[in-house]
Amino acid sequence: MPQLSPLFWVFSSLMIMFLLMSMMVVFYEKMVDFNSVNECKILLMKWCW
């Protein structure tokens, strides 16, 4: 197993942090816009029917 360079570890940790931040932002936006999202789903269901 070859030894990985420190640059790789820095890059991977930055990518993980970025993914966590994006997930938190998406989750927060969903929590904030939960009612509007539900209304949109209901409207789409009515429109499809």
PDB file of N, CA and C in Angstrom:
ATOM      1  N   MET A   1       0.852  -1.192   0.000  1.00  0.00           N
ATOM      2  CA  MET A   1       0.000   0.000   0.000  1.00  0.00           C
ATOM      3  C   MET A   1       0.894   1.252   0.000  1.00  0.00           C
ATOM      4  N   PRO A   2       0.825   2.021  -1.067  1.00  0.00           N
ATOM      5  CA  PRO A   2       1.697   3.207  -1.134  1.00  0.00           C
ATOM      6  C   PRO A   2       1.257   4.295  -0.168  1.00  0.00           C
ATOM      7  N   GLN A   3       2.223   5.033   0.303  1.00  0.00           N
ATOM      8  CA  GLN A   3       1.912   6.116   1.232  1.00  0.00           C
ATOM      9  C   GLN A   3       1.357   7.308   0.452  1.00  0.00           C
ATOM     10  N   LEU A   4       0.255   7.857   0.953  1.00  0.00           N
ATOM     11  CA  LEU A   4      -0.388   8.971   0.269  1.00  0.00           C
ATOM     12  C   LEU A   4       0.270  10.281   0.684  1.00  0.00           C
ATOM     13  N   SER A   5       0.309  11.192  -0.246  1.00  0.00           N
ATOM     14  CA  SER A   5       0.957  12.477   0.029  1.00  0.00           C
ATOM     15  C   SER A   5       0.074  13.347   0.917  1.00  0.00           C
ATOM     16  N   PRO A   6       0.646  14.274   1.662  1.00  0.00           N
ATOM     17  CA  PRO A   6      -0.167  15.175   2.504  1.00  0.00           C
ATOM     18  C   PRO A   6      -1.132  16.014   1.686  1.00  0.00           C
ATOM     19  N   LEU A   7      -0.737  16.332   0.450  1.00  0.00           N
ATOM     20  CA  LEU A   7      -1.628  17.121  -0.396  1.00  0.00           C
ATOM     21  C   LEU A   7      -2.935  16.375  -0.646  1.00  0.00           C
ATOM     22  N   PHE A   8      -2.834  15.065  -0.836  1.00  0.00           N
ATOM     23  CA  PHE A   8      -4.040  14.269  -1.040  1.00  0.00           C
ATOM     24  C   PHE A   8      -4.941  14.322   0.188  1.00  0.00           C
ATOM     25  N   TRP A   9      -4.350  14.238   1.371  1.00  0.00           N
ATOM     26  CA  TRP A   9      -5.161  14.290   2.592  1.00  0.00           C
ATOM     27  C   TRP A   9      -5.832  15.647   2.738  1.00  0.00           C
ATOM     28  N   VAL A  10      -5.107  16.720   2.428  1.00  0.00           N
ATOM     29  CA  VAL A  10      -5.697  18.061   2.511  1.00  0.00           C
ATOM     30  C   VAL A  10      -6.849  18.176   1.531  1.00  0.00           C
ATOM     31  N   PHE A  11      -6.637  17.703   0.318  1.00  0.00           N
ATOM     32  CA  PHE A  11      -7.679  17.792  -0.700  1.00  0.00           C
ATOM     33  C   PHE A  11      -8.908  16.980  -0.300  1.00  0.00           C
ATOM     34  N   SER A  12      -8.697  15.767   0.187  1.00  0.00           N
ATOM     35  CA  SER A  12      -9.827  14.920   0.571  1.00  0.00           C
ATOM     36  C   SER A  12     -10.580  15.517   1.757  1.00  0.00           C
ATOM     37  N   SER A  13      -9.856  16.060   2.727  1.00  0.00           N
ATOM     38  CA  SER A  13     -10.544  16.665   3.877  1.00  0.00           C
ATOM     39  C   SER A  13     -11.340  17.890   3.442  1.00  0.00           C
ATOM     40  N   LEU A  14     -10.788  18.679   2.515  1.00  0.00           N
ATOM     41  CA  LEU A  14     -11.534  19.831   2.011  1.00  0.00           C
ATOM     42  C   LEU A  14     -12.794  19.384   1.273  1.00  0.00           C
ATOM     43  N   MET A  15     -12.683  18.329   0.491  1.00  0.00           N
ATOM     44  CA  MET A  15     -13.857  17.834  -0.226  1.00  0.00           C
ATOM     45  C   MET A  15     -14.921  17.348   0.750  1.00  0.00           C
ATOM     46  N   ILE A  16     -14.501  16.651   1.800  1.00  0.00           N
ATOM     47  CA  ILE A  16     -15.464  16.162   2.790  1.00  0.00           C
ATOM     48  C   ILE A  16     -16.137  17.331   3.491  1.00  0.00           C
ATOM     49  N   MET A  17     -15.362  18.338   3.854  1.00  0.00           N
ATOM     50  CA  MET A  17     -15.946  19.515   4.499  1.00  0.00           C
ATOM     51  C   MET A  17     -16.932  20.208   3.570  1.00  0.00           C
ATOM     52  N   PHE A  18     -16.580  20.309   2.299  1.00  0.00           N
ATOM     53  CA  PHE A  18     -17.467  20.952   1.338  1.00  0.00           C
ATOM     54  C   PHE A  18     -18.770  20.172   1.201  1.00  0.00           C
ATOM     55  N   LEU A  19     -18.675  18.850   1.156  1.00  0.00           N
ATOM     56  CA  LEU A  19     -19.882  18.030   1.049  1.00  0.00           C
ATOM     57  C   LEU A  19     -20.758  18.193   2.285  1.00  0.00           C
ATOM     58  N   LEU A  20     -20.148  18.206   3.456  1.00  0.00           N
ATOM     59  CA  LEU A  20     -20.927  18.378   4.684  1.00  0.00           C
ATOM     60  C   LEU A  20     -21.610  19.738   4.709  1.00  0.00           C
ATOM     61  N   MET A  21     -20.905  20.773   4.314  1.00  0.00           N
ATOM     62  CA  MET A  21     -21.497  22.109   4.302  1.00  0.00           C
ATOM     63  C   MET A  21     -22.657  22.182   3.319  1.00  0.00           C
ATOM     64  N   SER A  22     -22.485  21.603   2.138  1.00  0.00           N
ATOM     65  CA  SER A  22     -23.565  21.641   1.152  1.00  0.00           C
ATOM     66  C   SER A  22     -24.776  20.858   1.653  1.00  0.00           C
ATOM     67  N   MET A  23     -24.545  19.719   2.310  1.00  0.00           N
ATOM     68  CA  MET A  23     -25.662  18.955   2.855  1.00  0.00           C
ATOM     69  C   MET A  23     -26.382  19.756   3.936  1.00  0.00           C
ATOM     70  N   MET A  24     -25.634  20.433   4.787  1.00  0.00           N
ATOM     71  CA  MET A  24     -26.261  21.239   5.836  1.00  0.00           C
ATOM     72  C   MET A  24     -27.069  22.381   5.230  1.00  0.00           C
ATOM     73  N   VAL A  25     -26.540  23.013   4.195  1.00  0.00           N
ATOM     74  CA  VAL A  25     -27.261  24.116   3.554  1.00  0.00           C
ATOM     75  C   VAL A  25     -28.546  23.605   2.926  1.00  0.00           C
ATOM     76  N   VAL A  26     -28.472  22.473   2.236  1.00  0.00           N
ATOM     77  CA  VAL A  26     -29.675  21.920   1.609  1.00  0.00           C
ATOM     78  C   VAL A  26     -30.698  21.548   2.676  1.00  0.00           C
ATOM     79  N   PHE A  27     -30.233  20.926   3.763  1.00  0.00           N
ATOM     80  CA  PHE A  27     -31.151  20.547   4.834  1.00  0.00           C
ATOM     81  C   PHE A  27     -31.800  21.781   5.448  1.00  0.00           C
ATOM     82  N   TYR A  28     -31.027  22.838   5.665  1.00  0.00           N
ATOM     83  CA  TYR A  28     -31.567  24.065   6.252  1.00  0.00           C
ATOM     84  C   TYR A  28     -32.595  24.697   5.324  1.00  0.00           C
ATOM     85  N   GLU A  29     -32.307  24.726   4.035  1.00  0.00           N
ATOM     86  CA  GLU A  29     -33.259  25.300   3.089  1.00  0.00           C
ATOM     87  C   GLU A  29     -34.539  24.471   3.054  1.00  0.00           C
ATOM     88  N   LYS A  30     -34.412  23.159   3.147  1.00  0.00           N
ATOM     89  CA  LYS A  30     -35.614  22.320   3.163  1.00  0.00           C
ATOM     90  C   LYS A  30     -36.429  22.587   4.418  1.00  0.00           C
ATOM     91  N   MET A  31     -35.761  22.744   5.559  1.00  0.00           N
ATOM     92  CA  MET A  31     -36.491  23.030   6.792  1.00  0.00           C
ATOM     93  C   MET A  31     -37.199  24.378   6.698  1.00  0.00           C
ATOM     94  N   VAL A  32     -36.552  25.366   6.083  1.00  0.00           N
ATOM     95  CA  VAL A  32     -37.149  26.697   5.994  1.00  0.00           C
ATOM     96  C   VAL A  32     -38.316  26.687   5.012  1.00  0.00           C
ATOM     97  N   ASP A  33     -38.131  26.066   3.848  1.00  0.00           N
ATOM     98  CA  ASP A  33     -39.136  26.103   2.785  1.00  0.00           C
ATOM     99  C   ASP A  33     -39.997  24.842   2.778  1.00  0.00           C
ATOM    100  N   PHE A  34     -40.206  24.258   3.940  1.00  0.00           N
ATOM    101  CA  PHE A  34     -40.947  22.999   3.979  1.00  0.00           C
ATOM    102  C   PHE A  34     -42.395  23.206   3.558  1.00  0.00           C
ATOM    103  N   ASN A  35     -43.037  24.265   4.050  1.00  0.00           N
ATOM    104  CA  ASN A  35     -44.436  24.502   3.716  1.00  0.00           C
ATOM    105  C   ASN A  35     -44.600  24.799   2.232  1.00  0.00           C
ATOM    106  N   SER A  36     -43.752  25.631   1.683  1.00  0.00           N
ATOM    107  CA  SER A  36     -43.868  25.954   0.264  1.00  0.00           C
ATOM    108  C   SER A  36     -43.617  24.715  -0.591  1.00  0.00           C
ATOM    109  N   VAL A  37     -42.688  23.865  -0.169  1.00  0.00           N
ATOM    110  CA  VAL A  37     -42.427  22.638  -0.924  1.00  0.00           C
ATOM    111  C   VAL A  37     -43.658  21.742  -0.886  1.00  0.00           C
ATOM    112  N   ASN A  38     -44.302  21.629   0.260  1.00  0.00           N
ATOM    113  CA  ASN A  38     -45.510  20.818   0.349  1.00  0.00           C
ATOM    114  C   ASN A  38     -46.601  21.379  -0.547  1.00  0.00           C
ATOM    115  N   GLU A  39     -46.768  22.694  -0.565  1.00  0.00           N
ATOM    116  CA  GLU A  39     -47.775  23.290  -1.428  1.00  0.00           C
ATOM    117  C   GLU A  39     -47.472  22.998  -2.890  1.00  0.00           C
ATOM    118  N   CYS A  40     -46.213  23.080  -3.265  1.00  0.00           N
ATOM    119  CA  CYS A  40     -45.848  22.790  -4.649  1.00  0.00           C
ATOM    120  C   CYS A  40     -46.134  21.331  -4.985  1.00  0.00           C
ATOM    121  N   LYS A  41     -45.858  20.424  -4.062  1.00  0.00           N
ATOM    122  CA  LYS A  41     -46.139  19.014  -4.322  1.00  0.00           C
ATOM    123  C   LYS A  41     -47.636  18.795  -4.492  1.00  0.00           C
ATOM    124  N   ILE A  42     -48.445  19.432  -3.651  1.00  0.00           N
ATOM    125  CA  ILE A  42     -49.892  19.274  -3.755  1.00  0.00           C
ATOM    126  C   ILE A  42     -50.376  19.820  -5.094  1.00  0.00           C
ATOM    127  N   LEU A  43     -49.861  20.979  -5.486  1.00  0.00           N
ATOM    128  CA  LEU A  43     -50.258  21.551  -6.772  1.00  0.00           C
ATOM    129  C   LEU A  43     -49.848  20.635  -7.919  1.00  0.00           C
ATOM    130  N   LEU A  44     -48.658  20.066  -7.851  1.00  0.00           N
ATOM    131  CA  LEU A  44     -48.216  19.162  -8.910  1.00  0.00           C
ATOM    132  C   LEU A  44     -49.091  17.915  -8.956  1.00  0.00           C
ATOM    133  N   MET A  45     -49.459  17.386  -7.799  1.00  0.00           N
ATOM    134  CA  MET A  45     -50.318  16.208  -7.777  1.00  0.00           C
ATOM    135  C   MET A  45     -51.679  16.525  -8.379  1.00  0.00           C
ATOM    136  N   LYS A  46     -52.245  17.669  -8.027  1.00  0.00           N
ATOM    137  CA  LYS A  46     -53.529  18.055  -8.607  1.00  0.00           C
ATOM    138  C   LYS A  46     -53.402  18.225 -10.111  1.00  0.00           C
ATOM    139  N   TRP A  47     -52.311  18.848 -10.543  1.00  0.00           N
ATOM    140  CA  TRP A  47     -52.125  19.086 -11.969  1.00  0.00           C
ATOM    141  C   TRP A  47     -51.972  17.757 -12.713  1.00  0.00           C
ATOM    142  N   CYS A  48     -51.248  16.808 -12.102  1.00  0.00           N
ATOM    143  CA  CYS A  48     -51.068  15.509 -12.756  1.00  0.00           C
ATOM    144  C   CYS A  48     -52.394  14.762 -12.825  1.00  0.00           C
ATOM    145  N   TRP A  49     -53.201  14.860 -11.784  1.00  0.00           N
ATOM    146  CA  TRP A  49     -54.487  14.176 -11.821  1.00  0.00           C
ATOM    147  C   TRP A  49     -55.439  14.867 -12.793  1.00  0.00           C
TER     148      TRP A  49
END
